[in-house]
Amino acid sequence: MASGSKRRTEEENREFNQDWVESFAFICNTDGLPTCLICHEKLAHNKKSNLERHFTTKHTQFAGKYPTGDALKKPLKSSKKTVKFHAK
């Protein structure tokens, strides 16, 4: 990379990690963007830090009510039905 050019996120080859579904309530939509199962907001990049920040700042009550694991799987399963996505 030349010293004056900017780094592009498309060149980083980031892929959606399936662990993020249960950890942060995100899925990968048809455009390849992470989509929140709770508020249906799309984030611009597949970065764990962005997903984690969104989940902890915007959905603090949800995180407290449904800790990770089996308690989280039931509400996420019903939310998945309403969002169009593709599995990678």
PDB file of N, CA and C in Angstrom:
ATOM      1  N   MET A   1       0.849  -1.162   0.000  1.00  0.00           N
ATOM      2  CA  MET A   1       0.000   0.000   0.000  1.00  0.00           C
ATOM      3  C   MET A   1       0.898   1.230   0.000  1.00  0.00           C
ATOM      4  N   ALA A   2       0.604   2.169  -0.837  1.00  0.00           N
ATOM      5  CA  ALA A   2       1.378   3.404  -0.931  1.00  0.00           C
ATOM      6  C   ALA A   2       1.153   4.240   0.316  1.00  0.00           C
ATOM      7  N   SER A   3       2.090   5.100   0.612  1.00  0.00           N
ATOM      8  CA  SER A   3       2.027   5.868   1.849  1.00  0.00           C
ATOM      9  C   SER A   3       0.875   6.871   1.867  1.00  0.00           C
ATOM     10  N   GLY A   4       0.386   7.325   0.710  1.00  0.00           N
ATOM     11  CA  GLY A   4      -0.670   8.318   0.676  1.00  0.00           C
ATOM     12  C   GLY A   4      -2.067   7.764   0.500  1.00  0.00           C
ATOM     13  N   SER A   5      -2.215   6.473   0.214  1.00  0.00           N
ATOM     14  CA  SER A   5      -3.550   5.920  -0.035  1.00  0.00           C
ATOM     15  C   SER A   5      -4.221   5.486   1.260  1.00  0.00           C
ATOM     16  N   LYS A   6      -5.554   5.545   1.257  1.00  0.00           N
ATOM     17  CA  LYS A   6      -6.329   5.153   2.429  1.00  0.00           C
ATOM     18  C   LYS A   6      -6.629   3.666   2.388  1.00  0.00           C
ATOM     19  N   ARG A   7      -6.764   3.092   3.548  1.00  0.00           N
ATOM     20  CA  ARG A   7      -7.102   1.689   3.669  1.00  0.00           C
ATOM     21  C   ARG A   7      -8.593   1.516   3.454  1.00  0.00           C
ATOM     22  N   ARG A   8      -8.982   0.540   2.639  1.00  0.00           N
ATOM     23  CA  ARG A   8     -10.387   0.284   2.345  1.00  0.00           C
ATOM     24  C   ARG A   8     -10.835  -0.986   3.050  1.00  0.00           C
ATOM     25  N   THR A   9     -12.020  -0.939   3.632  1.00  0.00           N
ATOM     26  CA  THR A   9     -12.509  -2.108   4.356  1.00  0.00           C
ATOM     27  C   THR A   9     -12.856  -3.251   3.420  1.00  0.00           C
ATOM     28  N   GLU A  10     -13.179  -2.963   2.163  1.00  0.00           N
ATOM     29  CA  GLU A  10     -13.479  -4.021   1.206  1.00  0.00           C
ATOM     30  C   GLU A  10     -12.261  -4.899   0.955  1.00  0.00           C
ATOM     31  N   GLU A  11     -11.074  -4.345   1.138  1.00  0.00           N
ATOM     32  CA  GLU A  11      -9.844  -5.085   0.901  1.00  0.00           C
ATOM     33  C   GLU A  11      -9.455  -5.973   2.076  1.00  0.00           C
ATOM     34  N   GLU A  12     -10.154  -5.859   3.194  1.00  0.00           N
ATOM     35  CA  GLU A  12      -9.807  -6.627   4.384  1.00  0.00           C
ATOM     36  C   GLU A  12     -10.447  -8.013   4.417  1.00  0.00           C
ATOM     37  N   ASN A  13     -11.368  -8.304   3.500  1.00  0.00           N
ATOM     38  CA  ASN A  13     -12.015  -9.609   3.400  1.00  0.00           C
ATOM     39  C   ASN A  13     -12.650 -10.060   4.714  1.00  0.00           C
ATOM     40  N   ARG A  14     -13.422  -9.204   5.325  1.00  0.00           N
ATOM     41  CA  ARG A  14     -14.096  -9.552   6.576  1.00  0.00           C
ATOM     42  C   ARG A  14     -15.331 -10.390   6.267  1.00  0.00           C
ATOM     43  N   GLU A  15     -15.531 -11.436   7.047  1.00  0.00           N
ATOM     44  CA  GLU A  15     -16.674 -12.309   6.875  1.00  0.00           C
ATOM     45  C   GLU A  15     -17.468 -12.368   8.164  1.00  0.00           C
ATOM     46  N   PHE A  16     -18.742 -12.628   8.035  1.00  0.00           N
ATOM     47  CA  PHE A  16     -19.623 -12.744   9.186  1.00  0.00           C
ATOM     48  C   PHE A  16     -19.304 -14.026   9.941  1.00  0.00           C
ATOM     49  N   ASN A  17     -19.206 -13.929  11.251  1.00  0.00           N
ATOM     50  CA  ASN A  17     -18.923 -15.067  12.109  1.00  0.00           C
ATOM     51  C   ASN A  17     -20.241 -15.543  12.732  1.00  0.00           C
ATOM     52  N   GLN A  18     -20.573 -16.810  12.586  1.00  0.00           N
ATOM     53  CA  GLN A  18     -21.843 -17.342  13.087  1.00  0.00           C
ATOM     54  C   GLN A  18     -21.971 -17.261  14.610  1.00  0.00           C
ATOM     55  N   ASP A  19     -20.866 -17.143  15.325  1.00  0.00           N
ATOM     56  CA  ASP A  19     -20.921 -16.999  16.784  1.00  0.00           C
ATOM     57  C   ASP A  19     -21.577 -15.681  17.191  1.00  0.00           C
ATOM     58  N   TRP A  20     -21.576 -14.703  16.295  1.00  0.00           N
ATOM     59  CA  TRP A  20     -22.152 -13.394  16.595  1.00  0.00           C
ATOM     60  C   TRP A  20     -23.668 -13.444  16.700  1.00  0.00           C
ATOM     61  N   VAL A  21     -24.285 -14.493  16.164  1.00  0.00           N
ATOM     62  CA  VAL A  21     -25.738 -14.620  16.258  1.00  0.00           C
ATOM     63  C   VAL A  21     -26.138 -14.745  17.722  1.00  0.00           C
ATOM     64  N   GLU A  22     -25.488 -15.626  18.447  1.00  0.00           N
ATOM     65  CA  GLU A  22     -25.823 -15.829  19.850  1.00  0.00           C
ATOM     66  C   GLU A  22     -25.156 -14.816  20.773  1.00  0.00           C
ATOM     67  N   SER A  23     -24.007 -14.311  20.396  1.00  0.00           N
ATOM     68  CA  SER A  23     -23.294 -13.375  21.262  1.00  0.00           C
ATOM     69  C   SER A  23     -23.895 -11.977  21.231  1.00  0.00           C
ATOM     70  N   PHE A  24     -24.230 -11.478  20.030  1.00  0.00           N
ATOM     71  CA  PHE A  24     -24.652 -10.089  19.877  1.00  0.00           C
ATOM     72  C   PHE A  24     -25.991  -9.927  19.180  1.00  0.00           C
ATOM     73  N   ALA A  25     -26.709 -11.008  18.894  1.00  0.00           N
ATOM     74  CA  ALA A  25     -28.019 -10.974  18.242  1.00  0.00           C
ATOM     75  C   ALA A  25     -27.951 -10.342  16.859  1.00  0.00           C
ATOM     76  N   PHE A  26     -26.965 -10.731  16.063  1.00  0.00           N
ATOM     77  CA  PHE A  26     -26.818 -10.253  14.696  1.00  0.00           C
ATOM     78  C   PHE A  26     -26.828 -11.427  13.731  1.00  0.00           C
ATOM     79  N   ILE A  27     -27.363 -11.195  12.529  1.00  0.00           N
ATOM     80  CA  ILE A  27     -27.293 -12.160  11.449  1.00  0.00           C
ATOM     81  C   ILE A  27     -26.737 -11.466  10.219  1.00  0.00           C
ATOM     82  N   CYS A  28     -26.386 -12.249   9.228  1.00  0.00           N
ATOM     83  CA  CYS A  28     -25.881 -11.710   7.970  1.00  0.00           C
ATOM     84  C   CYS A  28     -27.052 -11.640   7.001  1.00  0.00           C
ATOM     85  N   ASN A  29     -27.382 -10.437   6.504  1.00  0.00           N
ATOM     86  CA  ASN A  29     -28.523 -10.311   5.594  1.00  0.00           C
ATOM     87  C   ASN A  29     -28.121 -10.648   4.164  1.00  0.00           C
ATOM     88  N   THR A  30     -29.037 -10.494   3.233  1.00  0.00           N
ATOM     89  CA  THR A  30     -28.781 -10.875   1.841  1.00  0.00           C
ATOM     90  C   THR A  30     -27.717 -10.013   1.175  1.00  0.00           C
ATOM     91  N   ASP A  31     -27.476  -8.821   1.712  1.00  0.00           N
ATOM     92  CA  ASP A  31     -26.435  -7.948   1.172  1.00  0.00           C
ATOM     93  C   ASP A  31     -25.060  -8.250   1.761  1.00  0.00           C
ATOM     94  N   GLY A  32     -24.996  -9.178   2.715  1.00  0.00           N
ATOM     95  CA  GLY A  32     -23.741  -9.511   3.366  1.00  0.00           C
ATOM     96  C   GLY A  32     -23.417  -8.589   4.529  1.00  0.00           C
ATOM     97  N   LEU A  33     -24.387  -7.778   4.943  1.00  0.00           N
ATOM     98  CA  LEU A  33     -24.176  -6.847   6.050  1.00  0.00           C
ATOM     99  C   LEU A  33     -24.753  -7.422   7.337  1.00  0.00           C
ATOM    100  N   PRO A  34     -24.116  -7.136   8.470  1.00  0.00           N
ATOM    101  CA  PRO A  34     -24.679  -7.596   9.736  1.00  0.00           C
ATOM    102  C   PRO A  34     -25.946  -6.815  10.067  1.00  0.00           C
ATOM    103  N   THR A  35     -27.008  -7.529  10.455  1.00  0.00           N
ATOM    104  CA  THR A  35     -28.296  -6.930  10.779  1.00  0.00           C
ATOM    105  C   THR A  35     -28.710  -7.358  12.173  1.00  0.00           C
ATOM    106  N   CYS A  36     -29.085  -6.394  12.994  1.00  0.00           N
ATOM    107  CA  CYS A  36     -29.500  -6.661  14.367  1.00  0.00           C
ATOM    108  C   CYS A  36     -30.866  -7.332  14.366  1.00  0.00           C
ATOM    109  N   LEU A  37     -30.997  -8.414  15.110  1.00  0.00           N
ATOM    110  CA  LEU A  37     -32.269  -9.127  15.197  1.00  0.00           C
ATOM    111  C   LEU A  37     -33.263  -8.419  16.107  1.00  0.00           C
ATOM    112  N   ILE A  38     -32.792  -7.515  16.925  1.00  0.00           N
ATOM    113  CA  ILE A  38     -33.669  -6.840  17.873  1.00  0.00           C
ATOM    114  C   ILE A  38     -34.302  -5.597  17.242  1.00  0.00           C
ATOM    115  N   CYS A  39     -33.473  -4.719  16.665  1.00  0.00           N
ATOM    116  CA  CYS A  39     -33.986  -3.462  16.112  1.00  0.00           C
ATOM    117  C   CYS A  39     -33.920  -3.412  14.588  1.00  0.00           C
ATOM    118  N   HIS A  40     -33.373  -4.443  13.945  1.00  0.00           N
ATOM    119  CA  HIS A  40     -33.267  -4.565  12.484  1.00  0.00           C
ATOM    120  C   HIS A  40     -32.371  -3.498  11.853  1.00  0.00           C
ATOM    121  N   GLU A  41     -31.466  -2.939  12.628  1.00  0.00           N
ATOM    122  CA  GLU A  41     -30.520  -1.959  12.091  1.00  0.00           C
ATOM    123  C   GLU A  41     -29.380  -2.688  11.393  1.00  0.00           C
ATOM    124  N   LYS A  42     -28.971  -2.162  10.234  1.00  0.00           N
ATOM    125  CA  LYS A  42     -27.854  -2.736   9.482  1.00  0.00           C
ATOM    126  C   LYS A  42     -26.591  -1.960   9.812  1.00  0.00           C
ATOM    127  N   LEU A  43     -25.504  -2.692  10.049  1.00  0.00           N
ATOM    128  CA  LEU A  43     -24.212  -2.051  10.258  1.00  0.00           C
ATOM    129  C   LEU A  43     -23.414  -2.138   8.967  1.00  0.00           C
ATOM    130  N   ALA A  44     -22.451  -1.250   8.825  1.00  0.00           N
ATOM    131  CA  ALA A  44     -21.728  -1.123   7.563  1.00  0.00           C
ATOM    132  C   ALA A  44     -20.664  -2.196   7.354  1.00  0.00           C
ATOM    133  N   HIS A  45     -20.100  -2.738   8.451  1.00  0.00           N
ATOM    134  CA  HIS A  45     -18.965  -3.655   8.303  1.00  0.00           C
ATOM    135  C   HIS A  45     -19.099  -4.848   9.234  1.00  0.00           C
ATOM    136  N   ASN A  46     -18.529  -5.953   8.827  1.00  0.00           N
ATOM    137  CA  ASN A  46     -18.483  -7.164   9.646  1.00  0.00           C
ATOM    138  C   ASN A  46     -17.295  -7.072  10.604  1.00  0.00           C
ATOM    139  N   LYS A  47     -17.454  -6.277  11.640  1.00  0.00           N
ATOM    140  CA  LYS A  47     -16.406  -6.144  12.651  1.00  0.00           C
ATOM    141  C   LYS A  47     -17.011  -6.453  14.016  1.00  0.00           C
ATOM    142  N   LYS A  48     -16.356  -7.348  14.744  1.00  0.00           N
ATOM    143  CA  LYS A  48     -16.866  -7.765  16.043  1.00  0.00           C
ATOM    144  C   LYS A  48     -17.041  -6.576  16.982  1.00  0.00           C
ATOM    145  N   SER A  49     -16.099  -5.652  16.972  1.00  0.00           N
ATOM    146  CA  SER A  49     -16.178  -4.510  17.886  1.00  0.00           C
ATOM    147  C   SER A  49     -17.404  -3.641  17.611  1.00  0.00           C
ATOM    148  N   ASN A  50     -17.773  -3.473  16.338  1.00  0.00           N
ATOM    149  CA  ASN A  50     -18.953  -2.680  15.996  1.00  0.00           C
ATOM    150  C   ASN A  50     -20.236  -3.370  16.468  1.00  0.00           C
ATOM    151  N   LEU A  51     -20.313  -4.673  16.284  1.00  0.00           N
ATOM    152  CA  LEU A  51     -21.483  -5.425  16.709  1.00  0.00           C
ATOM    153  C   LEU A  51     -21.620  -5.421  18.226  1.00  0.00           C
ATOM    154  N   GLU A  52     -20.501  -5.626  18.902  1.00  0.00           N
ATOM    155  CA  GLU A  52     -20.508  -5.636  20.359  1.00  0.00           C
ATOM    156  C   GLU A  52     -20.913  -4.276  20.919  1.00  0.00           C
ATOM    157  N   ARG A  53     -20.392  -3.198  20.339  1.00  0.00           N
ATOM    158  CA  ARG A  53     -20.729  -1.845  20.784  1.00  0.00           C
ATOM    159  C   ARG A  53     -22.218  -1.572  20.594  1.00  0.00           C
ATOM    160  N   HIS A  54     -22.756  -1.945  19.456  1.00  0.00           N
ATOM    161  CA  HIS A  54     -24.188  -1.750  19.187  1.00  0.00           C
ATOM    162  C   HIS A  54     -25.027  -2.499  20.223  1.00  0.00           C
ATOM    163  N   PHE A  55     -24.688  -3.750  20.460  1.00  0.00           N
ATOM    164  CA  PHE A  55     -25.466  -4.585  21.384  1.00  0.00           C
ATOM    165  C   PHE A  55     -25.405  -4.048  22.811  1.00  0.00           C
ATOM    166  N   THR A  56     -24.228  -3.650  23.271  1.00  0.00           N
ATOM    167  CA  THR A  56     -24.090  -3.212  24.658  1.00  0.00           C
ATOM    168  C   THR A  56     -24.639  -1.812  24.897  1.00  0.00           C
ATOM    169  N   THR A  57     -24.633  -0.944  23.892  1.00  0.00           N
ATOM    170  CA  THR A  57     -25.129   0.415  24.106  1.00  0.00           C
ATOM    171  C   THR A  57     -26.622   0.557  23.811  1.00  0.00           C
ATOM    172  N   LYS A  58     -27.120  -0.103  22.801  1.00  0.00           N
ATOM    173  CA  LYS A  58     -28.520   0.080  22.411  1.00  0.00           C
ATOM    174  C   LYS A  58     -29.462  -0.953  23.013  1.00  0.00           C
ATOM    175  N   HIS A  59     -28.945  -2.075  23.450  1.00  0.00           N
ATOM    176  CA  HIS A  59     -29.812  -3.155  23.936  1.00  0.00           C
ATOM    177  C   HIS A  59     -29.362  -3.649  25.310  1.00  0.00           C
ATOM    178  N   THR A  60     -29.110  -2.726  26.230  1.00  0.00           N
ATOM    179  CA  THR A  60     -28.637  -3.116  27.562  1.00  0.00           C
ATOM    180  C   THR A  60     -29.697  -3.890  28.334  1.00  0.00           C
ATOM    181  N   GLN A  61     -30.963  -3.514  28.202  1.00  0.00           N
ATOM    182  CA  GLN A  61     -32.026  -4.232  28.909  1.00  0.00           C
ATOM    183  C   GLN A  61     -32.202  -5.643  28.365  1.00  0.00           C
ATOM    184  N   PHE A  62     -32.076  -5.794  27.056  1.00  0.00           N
ATOM    185  CA  PHE A  62     -32.187  -7.114  26.441  1.00  0.00           C
ATOM    186  C   PHE A  62     -31.058  -8.014  26.923  1.00  0.00           C
ATOM    187  N   ALA A  63     -29.849  -7.469  26.982  1.00  0.00           N
ATOM    188  CA  ALA A  63     -28.695  -8.245  27.436  1.00  0.00           C
ATOM    189  C   ALA A  63     -28.857  -8.683  28.879  1.00  0.00           C
ATOM    190  N   GLY A  64     -29.452  -7.841  29.708  1.00  0.00           N
ATOM    191  CA  GLY A  64     -29.688  -8.199  31.105  1.00  0.00           C
ATOM    192  C   GLY A  64     -30.793  -9.212  31.273  1.00  0.00           C
ATOM    193  N   LYS A  65     -31.829  -9.110  30.447  1.00  0.00           N
ATOM    194  CA  LYS A  65     -32.979 -10.008  30.548  1.00  0.00           C
ATOM    195  C   LYS A  65     -32.668 -11.393  29.996  1.00  0.00           C
ATOM    196  N   TYR A  66     -31.905 -11.437  28.893  1.00  0.00           N
ATOM    197  CA  TYR A  66     -31.561 -12.702  28.248  1.00  0.00           C
ATOM    198  C   TYR A  66     -30.042 -12.851  28.191  1.00  0.00           C
ATOM    199  N   PRO A  67     -29.436 -13.411  29.220  1.00  0.00           N
ATOM    200  CA  PRO A  67     -27.993 -13.638  29.135  1.00  0.00           C
ATOM    201  C   PRO A  67     -27.682 -14.646  28.036  1.00  0.00           C
ATOM    202  N   THR A  68     -26.449 -14.706  27.624  1.00  0.00           N
ATOM    203  CA  THR A  68     -26.085 -15.598  26.520  1.00  0.00           C
ATOM    204  C   THR A  68     -26.396 -17.045  26.883  1.00  0.00           C
ATOM    205  N   GLY A  69     -26.587 -17.844  25.885  1.00  0.00           N
ATOM    206  CA  GLY A  69     -26.872 -19.259  26.091  1.00  0.00           C
ATOM    207  C   GLY A  69     -28.292 -19.597  25.699  1.00  0.00           C
ATOM    208  N   ASP A  70     -28.873 -20.575  26.375  1.00  0.00           N
ATOM    209  CA  ASP A  70     -30.199 -21.077  26.025  1.00  0.00           C
ATOM    210  C   ASP A  70     -31.301 -20.035  26.199  1.00  0.00           C
ATOM    211  N   ALA A  71     -31.149 -19.148  27.183  1.00  0.00           N
ATOM    212  CA  ALA A  71     -32.168 -18.128  27.408  1.00  0.00           C
ATOM    213  C   ALA A  71     -32.248 -17.154  26.241  1.00  0.00           C
ATOM    214  N   LEU A  72     -31.152 -16.934  25.569  1.00  0.00           N
ATOM    215  CA  LEU A  72     -31.100 -16.005  24.440  1.00  0.00           C
ATOM    216  C   LEU A  72     -31.601 -16.637  23.147  1.00  0.00           C
ATOM    217  N   LYS A  73     -31.496 -17.938  23.023  1.00  0.00           N
ATOM    218  CA  LYS A  73     -31.838 -18.613  21.770  1.00  0.00           C
ATOM    219  C   LYS A  73     -33.314 -18.498  21.408  1.00  0.00           C
ATOM    220  N   LYS A  74     -34.211 -18.555  22.380  1.00  0.00           N
ATOM    221  CA  LYS A  74     -35.644 -18.533  22.093  1.00  0.00           C
ATOM    222  C   LYS A  74     -36.096 -17.203  21.474  1.00  0.00           C
ATOM    223  N   PRO A  75     -35.776 -16.036  22.064  1.00  0.00           N
ATOM    224  CA  PRO A  75     -36.213 -14.787  21.418  1.00  0.00           C
ATOM    225  C   PRO A  75     -35.515 -14.538  20.084  1.00  0.00           C
ATOM    226  N   LEU A  76     -34.290 -15.003  19.934  1.00  0.00           N
ATOM    227  CA  LEU A  76     -33.580 -14.809  18.673  1.00  0.00           C
ATOM    228  C   LEU A  76     -34.171 -15.673  17.568  1.00  0.00           C
ATOM    229  N   LYS A  77     -34.624 -16.857  17.918  1.00  0.00           N
ATOM    230  CA  LYS A  77     -35.211 -17.749  16.919  1.00  0.00           C
ATOM    231  C   LYS A  77     -36.455 -17.133  16.303  1.00  0.00           C
ATOM    232  N   SER A  78     -37.288 -16.514  17.118  1.00  0.00           N
ATOM    233  CA  SER A  78     -38.496 -15.873  16.579  1.00  0.00           C
ATOM    234  C   SER A  78     -38.145 -14.618  15.778  1.00  0.00           C
ATOM    235  N   SER A  79     -37.078 -13.921  16.140  1.00  0.00           N
ATOM    236  CA  SER A  79     -36.660 -12.728  15.410  1.00  0.00           C
ATOM    237  C   SER A  79     -36.072 -13.081  14.050  1.00  0.00           C
ATOM    238  N   LYS A  80     -35.423 -14.218  13.943  1.00  0.00           N
ATOM    239  CA  LYS A  80     -34.820 -14.636  12.675  1.00  0.00           C
ATOM    240  C   LYS A  80     -35.870 -14.811  11.587  1.00  0.00           C
ATOM    241  N   LYS A  81     -37.061 -15.195  11.960  1.00  0.00           N
ATOM    242  CA  LYS A  81     -38.110 -15.440  10.987  1.00  0.00           C
ATOM    243  C   LYS A  81     -38.547 -14.170  10.283  1.00  0.00           C
ATOM    244  N   THR A  82     -38.402 -13.021  10.947  1.00  0.00           N
ATOM    245  CA  THR A  82     -38.884 -11.764  10.383  1.00  0.00           C
ATOM    246  C   THR A  82     -37.846 -11.057   9.519  1.00  0.00           C
ATOM    247  N   VAL A  83     -36.593 -11.502   9.539  1.00  0.00           N
ATOM    248  CA  VAL A  83     -35.526 -10.837   8.804  1.00  0.00           C
ATOM    249  C   VAL A  83     -35.053 -11.744   7.686  1.00  0.00           C
ATOM    250  N   LYS A  84     -34.906 -11.190   6.477  1.00  0.00           N
ATOM    251  CA  LYS A  84     -34.389 -11.968   5.358  1.00  0.00           C
ATOM    252  C   LYS A  84     -32.873 -12.019   5.472  1.00  0.00           C
ATOM    253  N   PHE A  85     -32.327 -13.207   5.382  1.00  0.00           N
ATOM    254  CA  PHE A  85     -30.881 -13.366   5.501  1.00  0.00           C
ATOM    255  C   PHE A  85     -30.444 -14.589   4.733  1.00  0.00           C
ATOM    256  N   HIS A  86     -29.116 -14.726   4.608  1.00  0.00           N
ATOM    257  CA  HIS A  86     -28.560 -15.939   4.025  1.00  0.00           C
ATOM    258  C   HIS A  86     -27.467 -16.447   4.942  1.00  0.00           C
ATOM    259  N   ALA A  87     -27.330 -17.739   5.026  1.00  0.00           N
ATOM    260  CA  ALA A  87     -26.305 -18.348   5.861  1.00  0.00           C
ATOM    261  C   ALA A  87     -25.029 -18.505   5.066  1.00  0.00           C
ATOM    262  N   LYS A  88     -23.931 -18.207   5.705  1.00  0.00           N
ATOM    263  CA  LYS A  88     -22.631 -18.367   5.071  1.00  0.00           C
ATOM    264  C   LYS A  88     -21.947 -19.589   5.591  1.00  0.00           C
TER     265      LYS A  88
END
